[in-house]
């Protein structure tokens, strides 16, 4: 699994959540019913849990919070490079944030929602 974090809190943004919901909705309309627990409500619930856990982590790790806050406004490619460098230099932070994101990864895998 590659290490990907979103800037400004590494949370799933509302736009991504809406986009993923539309992907789930479009796939559902064109195919069989989604697997159990793959509805828009399920996605929103998982996203909310990941967001809450990420927020708690960042508030309790001010150095990590400062790093991600400092990425605001940078070009996407630069953000990606800095996050990769930071993760490689801070393997425990990387592992912690991957663990926090795991429910969303599991949801995407189970429900066939690709990562954007």
C-alpha atoms as a PDB file:
ATOM      1  CA  UNK A   1       0.000   0.000   0.000  1.00  0.00           C
ATOM      2  CA  UNK A   2       1.424   3.358  -0.908  1.00  0.00           C
ATOM      3  CA  UNK A   3       1.507   6.087   1.654  1.00  0.00           C
ATOM      4  CA  UNK A   4      -0.783   8.914   0.642  1.00  0.00           C
ATOM      5  CA  UNK A   5      -1.904  11.726   2.859  1.00  0.00           C
ATOM      6  CA  UNK A   6      -4.064  14.678   2.152  1.00  0.00           C
ATOM      7  CA  UNK A   7      -2.783  18.085   3.114  1.00  0.00           C
ATOM      8  CA  UNK A   8      -4.141  20.044   6.005  1.00  0.00           C
ATOM      9  CA  UNK A   9      -4.886  17.228   8.344  1.00  0.00           C
ATOM     10  CA  UNK A  10      -4.542  14.167   6.120  1.00  0.00           C
ATOM     11  CA  UNK A  11      -8.308  13.878   6.217  1.00  0.00           C
ATOM     12  CA  UNK A  12     -10.676  12.848   3.501  1.00  0.00           C
ATOM     13  CA  UNK A  13     -11.941  16.121   2.105  1.00  0.00           C
ATOM     14  CA  UNK A  14     -15.609  16.776   1.572  1.00  0.00           C
ATOM     15  CA  UNK A  15     -15.057  16.993  -2.171  1.00  0.00           C
ATOM     16  CA  UNK A  16     -13.403  13.592  -2.232  1.00  0.00           C
ATOM     17  CA  UNK A  17     -16.223  12.171  -0.158  1.00  0.00           C
ATOM     18  CA  UNK A  18     -18.813  13.554  -2.546  1.00  0.00           C
ATOM     19  CA  UNK A  19     -16.811  12.315  -5.531  1.00  0.00           C
ATOM     20  CA  UNK A  20     -16.510   8.850  -4.059  1.00  0.00           C
ATOM     21  CA  UNK A  21     -20.211   8.852  -3.290  1.00  0.00           C
ATOM     22  CA  UNK A  22     -20.944   9.694  -6.907  1.00  0.00           C
ATOM     23  CA  UNK A  23     -18.638   6.884  -8.053  1.00  0.00           C
ATOM     24  CA  UNK A  24     -20.434   4.435  -5.766  1.00  0.00           C
ATOM     25  CA  UNK A  25     -23.795   5.751  -6.979  1.00  0.00           C
ATOM     26  CA  UNK A  26     -22.859   5.503 -10.659  1.00  0.00           C
ATOM     27  CA  UNK A  27     -21.472   1.999 -10.263  1.00  0.00           C
ATOM     28  CA  UNK A  28     -24.574   0.948  -8.369  1.00  0.00           C
ATOM     29  CA  UNK A  29     -26.932   2.286 -11.008  1.00  0.00           C
ATOM     30  CA  UNK A  30     -25.103   0.442 -13.787  1.00  0.00           C
ATOM     31  CA  UNK A  31     -24.504  -2.880 -12.000  1.00  0.00           C
ATOM     32  CA  UNK A  32     -25.934  -5.195  -9.392  1.00  0.00           C
ATOM     33  CA  UNK A  33     -26.698  -3.928  -5.913  1.00  0.00           C
ATOM     34  CA  UNK A  34     -23.594  -2.922  -3.972  1.00  0.00           C
ATOM     35  CA  UNK A  35     -22.104  -5.319  -1.453  1.00  0.00           C
ATOM     36  CA  UNK A  36     -23.480  -4.938   2.076  1.00  0.00           C
ATOM     37  CA  UNK A  37     -22.358  -1.812   3.913  1.00  0.00           C
ATOM     38  CA  UNK A  38     -21.299   0.007   0.726  1.00  0.00           C
ATOM     39  CA  UNK A  39     -23.916   2.751   0.675  1.00  0.00           C
ATOM     40  CA  UNK A  40     -23.331   6.488   0.685  1.00  0.00           C
ATOM     41  CA  UNK A  41     -24.275   6.467   4.370  1.00  0.00           C
ATOM     42  CA  UNK A  42     -21.633   3.823   5.072  1.00  0.00           C
ATOM     43  CA  UNK A  43     -19.013   5.837   3.190  1.00  0.00           C
ATOM     44  CA  UNK A  44     -19.928   8.961   5.124  1.00  0.00           C
ATOM     45  CA  UNK A  45     -19.752   7.091   8.432  1.00  0.00           C
ATOM     46  CA  UNK A  46     -16.342   5.611   7.673  1.00  0.00           C
ATOM     47  CA  UNK A  47     -15.080   8.990   6.467  1.00  0.00           C
ATOM     48  CA  UNK A  48     -16.346  10.693   9.614  1.00  0.00           C
ATOM     49  CA  UNK A  49     -14.548   8.168  11.797  1.00  0.00           C
ATOM     50  CA  UNK A  50     -11.298   8.553   9.869  1.00  0.00           C
ATOM     51  CA  UNK A  51     -11.606  12.344   9.993  1.00  0.00           C
ATOM     52  CA  UNK A  52     -12.270  12.363  13.745  1.00  0.00           C
ATOM     53  CA  UNK A  53      -9.349  10.036  14.440  1.00  0.00           C
ATOM     54  CA  UNK A  54      -7.049  12.077  12.212  1.00  0.00           C
ATOM     55  CA  UNK A  55      -8.073  15.288  13.959  1.00  0.00           C
ATOM     56  CA  UNK A  56      -7.420  13.782  17.382  1.00  0.00           C
ATOM     57  CA  UNK A  57      -4.037  12.484  16.239  1.00  0.00           C
ATOM     58  CA  UNK A  58      -2.999  15.850  14.830  1.00  0.00           C
ATOM     59  CA  UNK A  59      -4.116  17.762  17.933  1.00  0.00           C
ATOM     60  CA  UNK A  60      -2.136  15.374  20.132  1.00  0.00           C
ATOM     61  CA  UNK A  61       0.936  15.499  17.858  1.00  0.00           C
ATOM     62  CA  UNK A  62       1.564  19.232  17.319  1.00  0.00           C
ATOM     63  CA  UNK A  63       4.740  18.637  15.306  1.00  0.00           C
ATOM     64  CA  UNK A  64       2.852  16.478  12.794  1.00  0.00           C
ATOM     65  CA  UNK A  65      -0.001  18.990  12.728  1.00  0.00           C
ATOM     66  CA  UNK A  66       2.476  21.804  12.009  1.00  0.00           C
ATOM     67  CA  UNK A  67       4.042  19.825   9.166  1.00  0.00           C
ATOM     68  CA  UNK A  68       0.723  19.173   7.404  1.00  0.00           C
ATOM     69  CA  UNK A  69      -0.525  22.700   8.054  1.00  0.00           C
ATOM     70  CA  UNK A  70       2.634  24.011   6.395  1.00  0.00           C
ATOM     71  CA  UNK A  71       1.752  22.223   3.146  1.00  0.00           C
ATOM     72  CA  UNK A  72      -1.238  24.455   2.479  1.00  0.00           C
ATOM     73  CA  UNK A  73      -0.958  26.296  -0.816  1.00  0.00           C
ATOM     74  CA  UNK A  74       1.915  24.247  -2.236  1.00  0.00           C
ATOM     75  CA  UNK A  75       1.654  22.593  -5.653  1.00  0.00           C
ATOM     76  CA  UNK A  76       0.355  19.023  -5.564  1.00  0.00           C
ATOM     77  CA  UNK A  77       3.661  17.545  -6.772  1.00  0.00           C
ATOM     78  CA  UNK A  78       5.599  19.357  -4.065  1.00  0.00           C
ATOM     79  CA  UNK A  79       3.120  18.237  -1.409  1.00  0.00           C
ATOM     80  CA  UNK A  80       3.506  14.635  -2.539  1.00  0.00           C
ATOM     81  CA  UNK A  81       7.313  14.856  -2.445  1.00  0.00           C
ATOM     82  CA  UNK A  82       7.384  16.493   0.988  1.00  0.00           C
ATOM     83  CA  UNK A  83       4.906  14.019   2.463  1.00  0.00           C
ATOM     84  CA  UNK A  84       6.922  11.079   1.114  1.00  0.00           C
ATOM     85  CA  UNK A  85      10.132  12.538   2.526  1.00  0.00           C
ATOM     86  CA  UNK A  86       8.469  13.237   5.889  1.00  0.00           C
ATOM     87  CA  UNK A  87       6.979   9.741   6.058  1.00  0.00           C
ATOM     88  CA  UNK A  88      10.330   8.140   5.292  1.00  0.00           C
ATOM     89  CA  UNK A  89      11.987  10.218   8.014  1.00  0.00           C
ATOM     90  CA  UNK A  90       9.167   9.504  10.516  1.00  0.00           C
ATOM     91  CA  UNK A  91       8.165   5.838  10.164  1.00  0.00           C
ATOM     92  CA  UNK A  92       6.084   5.822  13.356  1.00  0.00           C
ATOM     93  CA  UNK A  93       3.975   8.755  12.141  1.00  0.00           C
ATOM     94  CA  UNK A  94       3.577   6.978   8.809  1.00  0.00           C
ATOM     95  CA  UNK A  95       2.419   3.795  10.542  1.00  0.00           C
ATOM     96  CA  UNK A  96       0.071   5.710  12.850  1.00  0.00           C
ATOM     97  CA  UNK A  97      -1.615   7.577   9.995  1.00  0.00           C
ATOM     98  CA  UNK A  98      -1.850   4.449   7.851  1.00  0.00           C
ATOM     99  CA  UNK A  99      -3.600   2.739  10.751  1.00  0.00           C
ATOM    100  CA  UNK A 100      -6.022   5.632  11.091  1.00  0.00           C
ATOM    101  CA  UNK A 101      -6.787   5.515   7.347  1.00  0.00           C
ATOM    102  CA  UNK A 102      -7.155   1.721   7.228  1.00  0.00           C
ATOM    103  CA  UNK A 103     -10.960   1.705   7.638  1.00  0.00           C
ATOM    104  CA  UNK A 104     -11.265   3.863   4.501  1.00  0.00           C
ATOM    105  CA  UNK A 105      -8.842   1.608   2.598  1.00  0.00           C
ATOM    106  CA  UNK A 106     -10.878  -1.412   3.684  1.00  0.00           C
ATOM    107  CA  UNK A 107     -14.121   0.277   2.607  1.00  0.00           C
ATOM    108  CA  UNK A 108     -12.701   1.164  -0.809  1.00  0.00           C
ATOM    109  CA  UNK A 109     -11.392  -2.359  -1.352  1.00  0.00           C
ATOM    110  CA  UNK A 110     -14.596  -4.049  -0.193  1.00  0.00           C
ATOM    111  CA  UNK A 111     -16.876  -1.738  -2.148  1.00  0.00           C
ATOM    112  CA  UNK A 112     -14.773  -1.366  -5.289  1.00  0.00           C
ATOM    113  CA  UNK A 113     -14.265   2.381  -4.922  1.00  0.00           C
ATOM    114  CA  UNK A 114     -10.926   3.396  -6.459  1.00  0.00           C
ATOM    115  CA  UNK A 115      -8.590   5.792  -4.671  1.00  0.00           C
ATOM    116  CA  UNK A 116      -8.478   9.170  -6.334  1.00  0.00           C
END
